[in-house]
Amino acid sequence: MPFVQSNGIRLYHDSFGDPDAPPMVMVMGLGAQLLGWPEEFCELLAGRGFHVIRFDNRDVGLSQWLDDLGDVDLPGLMSGDLSTVRYRLSDMVDDLAGLIGALGLAPVHLVGASMGAGISQQLAVDSPELVRSLASIMSTTSDRSVGQSTLEDPAALAVPPGADRATAIAAEARLHRVIGSPGGETSDEELTRRATVAHDRAHHPAGMFRQLAANATAPDRTEALRTVRVPTAVIHGEDDPLVNVSGGRAVAAAVPGAELTVIPGMGHDLPEFAWERIVDAVVANAARA
């Protein structure tokens, strides 16, 4: 079945490749569904000898939505009021641990992107017995002095709450144009197609804002990352406007023995021109385990 119970909630997942191959779990970022890991990208990893599992985090996609917890007061959050933070990043770490346990996968190769990499980093700190190797893509340590956005107002790029279908799709496509890779131009038609598929599968902005609050209140992991002993690859776009490459450099500096790959022309996405290089880095790191 595509659903499992984990940490008291229901998570949706799918997979690629031989179920008897070493498991590789893909953890996507803020507000993104498992569609953020393109099928073709997952097939590349599966073709290199892994059983690739991707899933929807809580509050997005086909996993359980937590609307009963209430909305986030975003202006209040930005001014330091944490009273409407509905759950923490640690809860999403527990979701991941529960998924691995429910599917009987441990230990796994973990590949996380953006907030998903933060979740993966923390699992490697908290539960090293569950993790065989770690790949952290376009992320940071949650140290607020690194990885800052170079965009003037990232919050302004969010899909407007209550927007109709056409407006929401256009806003999502525009967001990915702004944060995407300048080194590999994706057509407006393709960005609109992806936004349409994601919207029609599961459009849930309230969940994205609850995830945002969880990520925004995550503690600095720098010192904790110094305890990580699994092979670690850190991959970051040199031209990432949402999470500056200094965030990736900080992760690599914190984790003992981590190997850093910086990809010119890559922004805050997984551009097709970089797939082979990303896959090579992930696979080489898994081999170190």
C-alpha atoms as a PDB file:
ATOM      1  CA  MET A   1       0.000   0.000   0.000  1.00  0.00           C
ATOM      2  CA  PRO A   2       1.244   3.553  -0.729  1.00  0.00           C
ATOM      3  CA  PHE A   3       0.335   4.788   2.775  1.00  0.00           C
ATOM      4  CA  VAL A   4       2.040   4.064   6.088  1.00  0.00           C
ATOM      5  CA  GLN A   5       1.301   5.191   9.634  1.00  0.00           C
ATOM      6  CA  SER A   6       4.256   7.100  11.052  1.00  0.00           C
ATOM      7  CA  ASN A   7       4.497   9.164  14.219  1.00  0.00           C
ATOM      8  CA  GLY A   8       0.705   9.148  14.507  1.00  0.00           C
ATOM      9  CA  ILE A   9       0.006  10.425  10.973  1.00  0.00           C
ATOM     10  CA  ARG A  10      -0.462   8.958   7.505  1.00  0.00           C
ATOM     11  CA  LEU A  11       2.303   9.381   4.922  1.00  0.00           C
ATOM     12  CA  TYR A  12       2.085   8.657   1.195  1.00  0.00           C
ATOM     13  CA  HIS A  13       5.073   7.144  -0.614  1.00  0.00           C
ATOM     14  CA  ASP A  14       6.107   5.481  -3.853  1.00  0.00           C
ATOM     15  CA  SER A  15       9.274   3.776  -5.037  1.00  0.00           C
ATOM     16  CA  PHE A  16      11.523   2.909  -7.949  1.00  0.00           C
ATOM     17  CA  GLY A  17      13.881   0.004  -8.631  1.00  0.00           C
ATOM     18  CA  ASP A  18      14.511  -3.378  -7.076  1.00  0.00           C
ATOM     19  CA  PRO A  19      12.950  -3.696  -3.585  1.00  0.00           C
ATOM     20  CA  ASP A  20      15.867  -5.940  -2.629  1.00  0.00           C
ATOM     21  CA  ALA A  21      18.449  -3.262  -3.502  1.00  0.00           C
ATOM     22  CA  PRO A  22      19.889  -0.968  -0.803  1.00  0.00           C
ATOM     23  CA  PRO A  23      17.155   1.531   0.180  1.00  0.00           C
ATOM     24  CA  MET A  24      17.558   5.219  -0.607  1.00  0.00           C
ATOM     25  CA  VAL A  25      14.980   7.575   0.910  1.00  0.00           C
ATOM     26  CA  MET A  26      14.381  10.970  -0.714  1.00  0.00           C
ATOM     27  CA  VAL A  27      13.222  13.834   1.546  1.00  0.00           C
ATOM     28  CA  MET A  28      11.783  16.898  -0.191  1.00  0.00           C
ATOM     29  CA  GLY A  29      11.732  20.497   0.980  1.00  0.00           C
ATOM     30  CA  LEU A  30       9.359  23.203   2.147  1.00  0.00           C
ATOM     31  CA  GLY A  31       5.871  22.942   0.662  1.00  0.00           C
ATOM     32  CA  ALA A  32       7.069  20.571  -2.039  1.00  0.00           C
ATOM     33  CA  GLN A  33       5.400  17.280  -2.839  1.00  0.00           C
ATOM     34  CA  LEU A  34       7.314  14.138  -3.738  1.00  0.00           C
ATOM     35  CA  LEU A  35       6.969  15.386  -7.323  1.00  0.00           C
ATOM     36  CA  GLY A  36       9.951  17.608  -6.490  1.00  0.00           C
ATOM     37  CA  TRP A  37      12.018  14.486  -7.109  1.00  0.00           C
ATOM     38  CA  PRO A  38      11.328  13.951 -10.840  1.00  0.00           C
ATOM     39  CA  GLU A  39      10.583  10.361 -11.842  1.00  0.00           C
ATOM     40  CA  GLU A  40      13.435  10.399 -14.346  1.00  0.00           C
ATOM     41  CA  PHE A  41      15.875  11.527 -11.655  1.00  0.00           C
ATOM     42  CA  CYS A  42      14.723   8.740  -9.342  1.00  0.00           C
ATOM     43  CA  GLU A  43      15.061   6.230 -12.161  1.00  0.00           C
ATOM     44  CA  LEU A  44      18.672   7.325 -12.634  1.00  0.00           C
ATOM     45  CA  LEU A  45      19.398   6.512  -8.988  1.00  0.00           C
ATOM     46  CA  ALA A  46      17.484   3.242  -9.177  1.00  0.00           C
ATOM     47  CA  GLY A  47      19.508   2.335 -12.258  1.00  0.00           C
ATOM     48  CA  ARG A  48      22.672   2.716 -10.193  1.00  0.00           C
ATOM     49  CA  GLY A  49      21.560  -0.081  -7.875  1.00  0.00           C
ATOM     50  CA  PHE A  50      19.212   1.420  -5.282  1.00  0.00           C
ATOM     51  CA  HIS A  51      15.622   0.978  -4.167  1.00  0.00           C
ATOM     52  CA  VAL A  52      14.522   4.619  -4.263  1.00  0.00           C
ATOM     53  CA  ILE A  53      11.639   5.709  -2.012  1.00  0.00           C
ATOM     54  CA  ARG A  54      10.147   9.186  -2.137  1.00  0.00           C
ATOM     55  CA  PHE A  55       7.287  10.454   0.032  1.00  0.00           C
ATOM     56  CA  ASP A  56       5.089  13.438   0.788  1.00  0.00           C
ATOM     57  CA  ASN A  57       5.976  15.141   4.051  1.00  0.00           C
ATOM     58  CA  ARG A  58       3.162  15.855   6.513  1.00  0.00           C
ATOM     59  CA  ASP A  59       0.770  18.606   5.474  1.00  0.00           C
ATOM     60  CA  VAL A  60       1.511  18.431   1.733  1.00  0.00           C
ATOM     61  CA  GLY A  61       0.650  16.188  -1.185  1.00  0.00           C
ATOM     62  CA  LEU A  62      -1.310  13.051  -0.396  1.00  0.00           C
ATOM     63  CA  SER A  63       0.044  12.688   3.130  1.00  0.00           C
ATOM     64  CA  GLN A  64      -2.114  13.719   6.076  1.00  0.00           C
ATOM     65  CA  TRP A  65      -3.077  17.381   6.282  1.00  0.00           C
ATOM     66  CA  LEU A  66      -3.084  18.871   9.766  1.00  0.00           C
ATOM     67  CA  ASP A  67      -5.630  21.649   9.366  1.00  0.00           C
ATOM     68  CA  ASP A  68      -7.117  20.795  12.749  1.00  0.00           C
ATOM     69  CA  LEU A  69      -3.996  22.312  14.329  1.00  0.00           C
ATOM     70  CA  GLY A  70      -4.906  25.776  13.039  1.00  0.00           C
ATOM     71  CA  ASP A  71      -3.226  28.314  10.770  1.00  0.00           C
ATOM     72  CA  VAL A  72       0.067  30.115  11.258  1.00  0.00           C
ATOM     73  CA  ASP A  73       0.085  33.844  11.950  1.00  0.00           C
ATOM     74  CA  LEU A  74       2.858  34.599   9.475  1.00  0.00           C
ATOM     75  CA  PRO A  75       3.303  38.318  10.320  1.00  0.00           C
ATOM     76  CA  GLY A  76       3.403  37.379  14.008  1.00  0.00           C
ATOM     77  CA  LEU A  77       5.945  34.650  13.332  1.00  0.00           C
ATOM     78  CA  MET A  78       8.155  37.076  11.437  1.00  0.00           C
ATOM     79  CA  SER A  79       8.049  39.461  14.408  1.00  0.00           C
ATOM     80  CA  GLY A  80       9.060  36.728  16.846  1.00  0.00           C
ATOM     81  CA  ASP A  81       5.673  35.485  18.085  1.00  0.00           C
ATOM     82  CA  LEU A  82       5.916  31.675  18.132  1.00  0.00           C
ATOM     83  CA  SER A  83       2.465  31.057  19.577  1.00  0.00           C
ATOM     84  CA  THR A  84       1.042  29.796  16.260  1.00  0.00           C
ATOM     85  CA  VAL A  85       3.898  27.424  15.393  1.00  0.00           C
ATOM     86  CA  ARG A  86       1.880  24.221  15.110  1.00  0.00           C
ATOM     87  CA  TYR A  87       4.718  21.691  15.075  1.00  0.00           C
ATOM     88  CA  ARG A  88       8.499  21.698  14.915  1.00  0.00           C
ATOM     89  CA  LEU A  89      11.078  20.370  12.502  1.00  0.00           C
ATOM     90  CA  SER A  90      11.790  17.672  15.105  1.00  0.00           C
ATOM     91  CA  ASP A  91       8.273  16.325  14.503  1.00  0.00           C
ATOM     92  CA  MET A  92       9.065  15.959  10.804  1.00  0.00           C
ATOM     93  CA  VAL A  93      12.309  14.186  11.743  1.00  0.00           C
ATOM     94  CA  ASP A  94      10.201  11.754  13.777  1.00  0.00           C
ATOM     95  CA  ASP A  95       7.919  11.304  10.741  1.00  0.00           C
ATOM     96  CA  LEU A  96      10.931  10.268   8.670  1.00  0.00           C
ATOM     97  CA  ALA A  97      12.181   7.871  11.334  1.00  0.00           C
ATOM     98  CA  GLY A  98       8.707   6.348  11.563  1.00  0.00           C
ATOM     99  CA  LEU A  99       8.496   5.909   7.795  1.00  0.00           C
ATOM    100  CA  ILE A 100      11.837   4.097   7.726  1.00  0.00           C
ATOM    101  CA  GLY A 101      10.697   1.867  10.558  1.00  0.00           C
ATOM    102  CA  ALA A 102       7.235   1.167   9.132  1.00  0.00           C
ATOM    103  CA  LEU A 103       8.715   0.113   5.790  1.00  0.00           C
ATOM    104  CA  GLY A 104      11.457  -1.959   7.447  1.00  0.00           C
ATOM    105  CA  LEU A 105      14.214  -0.139   5.581  1.00  0.00           C
ATOM    106  CA  ALA A 106      16.871   0.680   8.192  1.00  0.00           C
ATOM    107  CA  PRO A 107      19.609   1.595   7.695  1.00  0.00           C
ATOM    108  CA  VAL A 108      19.003   3.760   4.627  1.00  0.00           C
ATOM    109  CA  HIS A 109      20.882   6.083   2.332  1.00  0.00           C
ATOM    110  CA  LEU A 110      19.265   9.494   2.922  1.00  0.00           C
ATOM    111  CA  VAL A 111      19.013  12.174   0.235  1.00  0.00           C
ATOM    112  CA  GLY A 112      17.435  15.453   1.335  1.00  0.00           C
ATOM    113  CA  ALA A 113      16.792  18.705  -0.509  1.00  0.00           C
ATOM    114  CA  SER A 114      16.438  22.128   1.151  1.00  0.00           C
ATOM    115  CA  MET A 115      14.286  21.720   4.295  1.00  0.00           C
ATOM    116  CA  GLY A 116      14.302  17.980   3.560  1.00  0.00           C
ATOM    117  CA  ALA A 117      18.078  18.024   3.907  1.00  0.00           C
ATOM    118  CA  GLY A 118      17.709  19.714   7.295  1.00  0.00           C
ATOM    119  CA  ILE A 119      15.342  16.932   8.343  1.00  0.00           C
ATOM    120  CA  SER A 120      17.828  14.343   7.059  1.00  0.00           C
ATOM    121  CA  GLN A 121      20.764  16.008   8.826  1.00  0.00           C
ATOM    122  CA  GLN A 122      18.892  15.944  12.119  1.00  0.00           C
ATOM    123  CA  LEU A 123      17.961  12.267  11.728  1.00  0.00           C
ATOM    124  CA  ALA A 124      21.641  11.437  11.166  1.00  0.00           C
ATOM    125  CA  VAL A 125      22.387  13.257  14.432  1.00  0.00           C
ATOM    126  CA  ASP A 126      19.529  11.764  16.459  1.00  0.00           C
ATOM    127  CA  SER A 127      19.339   8.229  15.075  1.00  0.00           C
ATOM    128  CA  PRO A 128      22.599   7.272  13.361  1.00  0.00           C
ATOM    129  CA  GLU A 129      21.555   3.612  13.424  1.00  0.00           C
ATOM    130  CA  LEU A 130      18.898   4.439  10.808  1.00  0.00           C
ATOM    131  CA  VAL A 131      21.286   6.139   8.387  1.00  0.00           C
ATOM    132  CA  ARG A 132      23.842   4.490   6.125  1.00  0.00           C
ATOM    133  CA  SER A 133      24.871   7.647   4.248  1.00  0.00           C
ATOM    134  CA  LEU A 134      23.672  11.242   3.965  1.00  0.00           C
ATOM    135  CA  ALA A 135      23.400  13.538   0.954  1.00  0.00           C
ATOM    136  CA  SER A 136      22.431  17.133   1.765  1.00  0.00           C
ATOM    137  CA  ILE A 137      21.354  19.181  -1.272  1.00  0.00           C
ATOM    138  CA  MET A 138      20.783  22.982  -1.390  1.00  0.00           C
ATOM    139  CA  SER A 139      20.457  23.298   2.379  1.00  0.00           C
ATOM    140  CA  THR A 140      22.072  24.881   5.408  1.00  0.00           C
ATOM    141  CA  THR A 141      22.736  24.308   9.105  1.00  0.00           C
ATOM    142  CA  SER A 142      19.929  26.651  10.268  1.00  0.00           C
ATOM    143  CA  ASP A 143      22.656  29.044  11.443  1.00  0.00           C
ATOM    144  CA  ARG A 144      21.038  32.359  10.481  1.00  0.00           C
ATOM    145  CA  SER A 145      24.413  33.876   9.556  1.00  0.00           C
ATOM    146  CA  VAL A 146      24.824  31.547   6.534  1.00  0.00           C
ATOM    147  CA  GLY A 147      22.656  30.507   3.628  1.00  0.00           C
ATOM    148  CA  GLN A 148      20.708  33.769   3.551  1.00  0.00           C
ATOM    149  CA  SER A 149      18.464  34.417   0.590  1.00  0.00           C
ATOM    150  CA  THR A 150      19.665  36.984  -1.919  1.00  0.00           C
ATOM    151  CA  LEU A 151      16.062  37.704  -2.948  1.00  0.00           C
ATOM    152  CA  GLU A 152      14.584  41.003  -1.801  1.00  0.00           C
ATOM    153  CA  ASP A 153      11.384  39.501  -0.352  1.00  0.00           C
ATOM    154  CA  PRO A 154      11.112  35.697  -0.650  1.00  0.00           C
ATOM    155  CA  ALA A 155       7.756  35.672   1.186  1.00  0.00           C
ATOM    156  CA  ALA A 156       6.251  37.773  -1.604  1.00  0.00           C
ATOM    157  CA  LEU A 157       6.776  34.847  -3.980  1.00  0.00           C
ATOM    158  CA  ALA A 158       4.397  32.549  -2.069  1.00  0.00           C
ATOM    159  CA  VAL A 159       1.137  31.559  -3.718  1.00  0.00           C
ATOM    160  CA  PRO A 160      -1.529  33.993  -2.409  1.00  0.00           C
ATOM    161  CA  PRO A 161      -3.854  32.282   0.092  1.00  0.00           C
ATOM    162  CA  GLY A 162      -7.281  31.677  -1.431  1.00  0.00           C
ATOM    163  CA  ALA A 163      -6.052  32.226  -4.987  1.00  0.00           C
ATOM    164  CA  ASP A 164      -8.080  30.620  -7.750  1.00  0.00           C
ATOM    165  CA  ARG A 165      -6.566  27.757  -9.757  1.00  0.00           C
ATOM    166  CA  ALA A 166      -5.155  29.851 -12.598  1.00  0.00           C
ATOM    167  CA  THR A 167      -3.655  32.446 -10.239  1.00  0.00           C
ATOM    168  CA  ALA A 168      -2.134  29.770  -8.000  1.00  0.00           C
ATOM    169  CA  ILE A 169      -0.577  27.899 -10.927  1.00  0.00           C
ATOM    170  CA  ALA A 170       0.862  31.102 -12.394  1.00  0.00           C
ATOM    171  CA  ALA A 171       2.313  32.106  -9.009  1.00  0.00           C
ATOM    172  CA  GLU A 172       3.899  28.674  -8.523  1.00  0.00           C
ATOM    173  CA  ALA A 173       5.479  28.767 -11.980  1.00  0.00           C
ATOM    174  CA  ARG A 174       6.780  32.296 -11.328  1.00  0.00           C
ATOM    175  CA  LEU A 175       8.289  31.191  -7.998  1.00  0.00           C
ATOM    176  CA  HIS A 176      10.260  28.419  -9.683  1.00  0.00           C
ATOM    177  CA  ARG A 177      11.401  30.791 -12.418  1.00  0.00           C
ATOM    178  CA  VAL A 178      12.821  33.175  -9.796  1.00  0.00           C
ATOM    179  CA  ILE A 179      14.550  30.587  -7.592  1.00  0.00           C
ATOM    180  CA  GLY A 180      15.518  28.177 -10.386  1.00  0.00           C
ATOM    181  CA  SER A 181      18.780  27.612 -12.196  1.00  0.00           C
ATOM    182  CA  PRO A 182      20.056  30.377 -14.465  1.00  0.00           C
ATOM    183  CA  GLY A 183      22.492  27.892 -16.001  1.00  0.00           C
ATOM    184  CA  GLY A 184      19.785  25.650 -17.453  1.00  0.00           C
ATOM    185  CA  GLU A 185      16.852  27.583 -18.786  1.00  0.00           C
ATOM    186  CA  THR A 186      13.512  25.807 -18.309  1.00  0.00           C
ATOM    187  CA  SER A 187      10.731  26.975 -20.595  1.00  0.00           C
ATOM    188  CA  ASP A 188       7.724  28.821 -19.207  1.00  0.00           C
ATOM    189  CA  GLU A 189       5.562  26.074 -20.683  1.00  0.00           C
ATOM    190  CA  GLU A 190       7.397  23.380 -18.705  1.00  0.00           C
ATOM    191  CA  LEU A 191       7.246  25.367 -15.464  1.00  0.00           C
ATOM    192  CA  THR A 192       3.504  25.864 -15.979  1.00  0.00           C
ATOM    193  CA  ARG A 193       3.046  22.158 -16.721  1.00  0.00           C
ATOM    194  CA  ARG A 194       4.811  21.170 -13.487  1.00  0.00           C
ATOM    195  CA  ALA A 195       2.855  23.715 -11.461  1.00  0.00           C
ATOM    196  CA  THR A 196      -0.401  22.447 -12.959  1.00  0.00           C
ATOM    197  CA  VAL A 197       0.383  18.810 -12.156  1.00  0.00           C
ATOM    198  CA  ALA A 198       1.328  19.711  -8.574  1.00  0.00           C
ATOM    199  CA  HIS A 199      -1.728  21.917  -8.072  1.00  0.00           C
ATOM    200  CA  ASP A 200      -4.175  19.341  -9.396  1.00  0.00           C
ATOM    201  CA  ARG A 201      -2.606  16.545  -7.345  1.00  0.00           C
ATOM    202  CA  ALA A 202      -2.808  18.404  -4.029  1.00  0.00           C
ATOM    203  CA  HIS A 203      -2.962  22.166  -3.440  1.00  0.00           C
ATOM    204  CA  HIS A 204      -2.607  22.950   0.263  1.00  0.00           C
ATOM    205  CA  PRO A 205      -1.017  26.321   1.105  1.00  0.00           C
ATOM    206  CA  ALA A 206      -2.011  26.147   4.793  1.00  0.00           C
ATOM    207  CA  GLY A 207       0.224  23.106   5.211  1.00  0.00           C
ATOM    208  CA  MET A 208       3.095  24.883   3.504  1.00  0.00           C
ATOM    209  CA  PHE A 209       2.857  27.749   6.006  1.00  0.00           C
ATOM    210  CA  ARG A 210       2.873  25.313   8.946  1.00  0.00           C
ATOM    211  CA  GLN A 211       6.003  23.705   7.465  1.00  0.00           C
ATOM    212  CA  LEU A 212       7.544  27.153   7.002  1.00  0.00           C
ATOM    213  CA  ALA A 213       7.009  27.905  10.700  1.00  0.00           C
ATOM    214  CA  ALA A 214       8.597  24.582  11.670  1.00  0.00           C
ATOM    215  CA  ASN A 215      11.622  25.261   9.490  1.00  0.00           C
ATOM    216  CA  ALA A 216      11.954  28.904  10.581  1.00  0.00           C
ATOM    217  CA  THR A 217      12.146  27.898  14.243  1.00  0.00           C
ATOM    218  CA  ALA A 218      14.644  25.050  13.796  1.00  0.00           C
ATOM    219  CA  PRO A 219      17.723  25.437  16.009  1.00  0.00           C
ATOM    220  CA  ASP A 220      21.229  25.818  14.617  1.00  0.00           C
ATOM    221  CA  ARG A 221      22.558  22.300  13.914  1.00  0.00           C
ATOM    222  CA  THR A 222      26.224  23.247  13.492  1.00  0.00           C
ATOM    223  CA  GLU A 223      27.575  21.717  16.696  1.00  0.00           C
ATOM    224  CA  ALA A 224      25.304  18.672  16.468  1.00  0.00           C
ATOM    225  CA  LEU A 225      26.507  18.010  12.917  1.00  0.00           C
ATOM    226  CA  ARG A 226      30.058  17.616  14.230  1.00  0.00           C
ATOM    227  CA  THR A 227      28.889  14.305  15.736  1.00  0.00           C
ATOM    228  CA  VAL A 228      27.773  12.819  12.396  1.00  0.00           C
ATOM    229  CA  ARG A 229      29.934   9.859  11.397  1.00  0.00           C
ATOM    230  CA  VAL A 230      28.157   8.521   8.304  1.00  0.00           C
ATOM    231  CA  PRO A 231      29.585   9.326   4.862  1.00  0.00           C
ATOM    232  CA  THR A 232      28.171  12.691   3.846  1.00  0.00           C
ATOM    233  CA  ALA A 233      27.913  14.458   0.500  1.00  0.00           C
ATOM    234  CA  VAL A 234      26.951  18.136   0.393  1.00  0.00           C
ATOM    235  CA  ILE A 235      25.687  19.405  -2.966  1.00  0.00           C
ATOM    236  CA  HIS A 236      24.771  23.019  -3.640  1.00  0.00           C
ATOM    237  CA  GLY A 237      24.123  25.309  -6.563  1.00  0.00           C
ATOM    238  CA  GLU A 238      26.641  28.098  -6.928  1.00  0.00           C
ATOM    239  CA  ASP A 239      23.803  30.379  -8.086  1.00  0.00           C
ATOM    240  CA  ASP A 240      21.127  29.452  -5.522  1.00  0.00           C
ATOM    241  CA  PRO A 241      19.212  32.680  -4.727  1.00  0.00           C
ATOM    242  CA  LEU A 242      17.010  31.179  -1.996  1.00  0.00           C
ATOM    243  CA  VAL A 243      19.660  29.421   0.117  1.00  0.00           C
ATOM    244  CA  ASN A 244      23.029  30.955  -0.605  1.00  0.00           C
ATOM    245  CA  VAL A 245      25.879  28.503  -1.228  1.00  0.00           C
ATOM    246  CA  SER A 246      27.397  29.613   2.083  1.00  0.00           C
ATOM    247  CA  GLY A 247      24.764  27.386   3.701  1.00  0.00           C
ATOM    248  CA  GLY A 248      26.074  24.311   1.914  1.00  0.00           C
ATOM    249  CA  ARG A 249      29.645  25.238   2.694  1.00  0.00           C
ATOM    250  CA  ALA A 250      28.710  25.500   6.387  1.00  0.00           C
ATOM    251  CA  VAL A 251      27.170  22.011   6.361  1.00  0.00           C
ATOM    252  CA  ALA A 252      30.285  20.572   4.719  1.00  0.00           C
ATOM    253  CA  ALA A 253      32.522  22.327   7.234  1.00  0.00           C
ATOM    254  CA  ALA A 254      30.505  21.011  10.182  1.00  0.00           C
ATOM    255  CA  VAL A 255      30.252  17.324   9.222  1.00  0.00           C
ATOM    256  CA  PRO A 256      33.564  15.479   9.622  1.00  0.00           C
ATOM    257  CA  GLY A 257      34.819  14.142   6.302  1.00  0.00           C
ATOM    258  CA  ALA A 258      31.959  15.596   4.261  1.00  0.00           C
ATOM    259  CA  GLU A 259      32.608  16.034   0.546  1.00  0.00           C
ATOM    260  CA  LEU A 260      31.319  19.260  -1.031  1.00  0.00           C
ATOM    261  CA  THR A 261      30.155  19.573  -4.633  1.00  0.00           C
ATOM    262  CA  VAL A 262      29.288  23.082  -5.850  1.00  0.00           C
ATOM    263  CA  ILE A 263      27.570  23.172  -9.251  1.00  0.00           C
ATOM    264  CA  PRO A 264      27.865  26.348 -11.356  1.00  0.00           C
ATOM    265  CA  GLY A 265      24.613  27.531 -12.903  1.00  0.00           C
ATOM    266  CA  MET A 266      22.443  25.581 -10.454  1.00  0.00           C
ATOM    267  CA  GLY A 267      19.853  27.461  -8.423  1.00  0.00           C
ATOM    268  CA  HIS A 268      17.354  26.224  -5.853  1.00  0.00           C
ATOM    269  CA  ASP A 269      16.065  23.335  -7.934  1.00  0.00           C
ATOM    270  CA  LEU A 270      17.199  20.098  -9.575  1.00  0.00           C
ATOM    271  CA  PRO A 271      18.018  21.196 -13.131  1.00  0.00           C
ATOM    272  CA  GLU A 272      18.311  18.391 -15.640  1.00  0.00           C
ATOM    273  CA  PHE A 273      21.776  19.524 -16.750  1.00  0.00           C
ATOM    274  CA  ALA A 274      23.038  18.762 -13.216  1.00  0.00           C
ATOM    275  CA  TRP A 275      21.363  15.374 -12.738  1.00  0.00           C
ATOM    276  CA  GLU A 276      24.329  13.232 -13.707  1.00  0.00           C
ATOM    277  CA  ARG A 277      26.695  15.187 -11.488  1.00  0.00           C
ATOM    278  CA  ILE A 278      24.283  15.048  -8.526  1.00  0.00           C
ATOM    279  CA  VAL A 279      23.670  11.330  -9.028  1.00  0.00           C
ATOM    280  CA  ASP A 280      27.401  10.641  -9.318  1.00  0.00           C
ATOM    281  CA  ALA A 281      28.054  12.486  -6.031  1.00  0.00           C
ATOM    282  CA  VAL A 282      25.210  10.681  -4.221  1.00  0.00           C
ATOM    283  CA  VAL A 283      26.247   7.259  -5.502  1.00  0.00           C
ATOM    284  CA  ALA A 284      29.943   7.798  -4.753  1.00  0.00           C
ATOM    285  CA  ASN A 285      29.040   8.867  -1.231  1.00  0.00           C
ATOM    286  CA  ALA A 286      26.802   5.815  -0.738  1.00  0.00           C
ATOM    287  CA  ALA A 287      29.701   3.617  -1.854  1.00  0.00           C
ATOM    288  CA  ARG A 288      31.798   5.069   0.974  1.00  0.00           C
ATOM    289  CA  ALA A 289      29.349   3.436   3.392  1.00  0.00           C
END
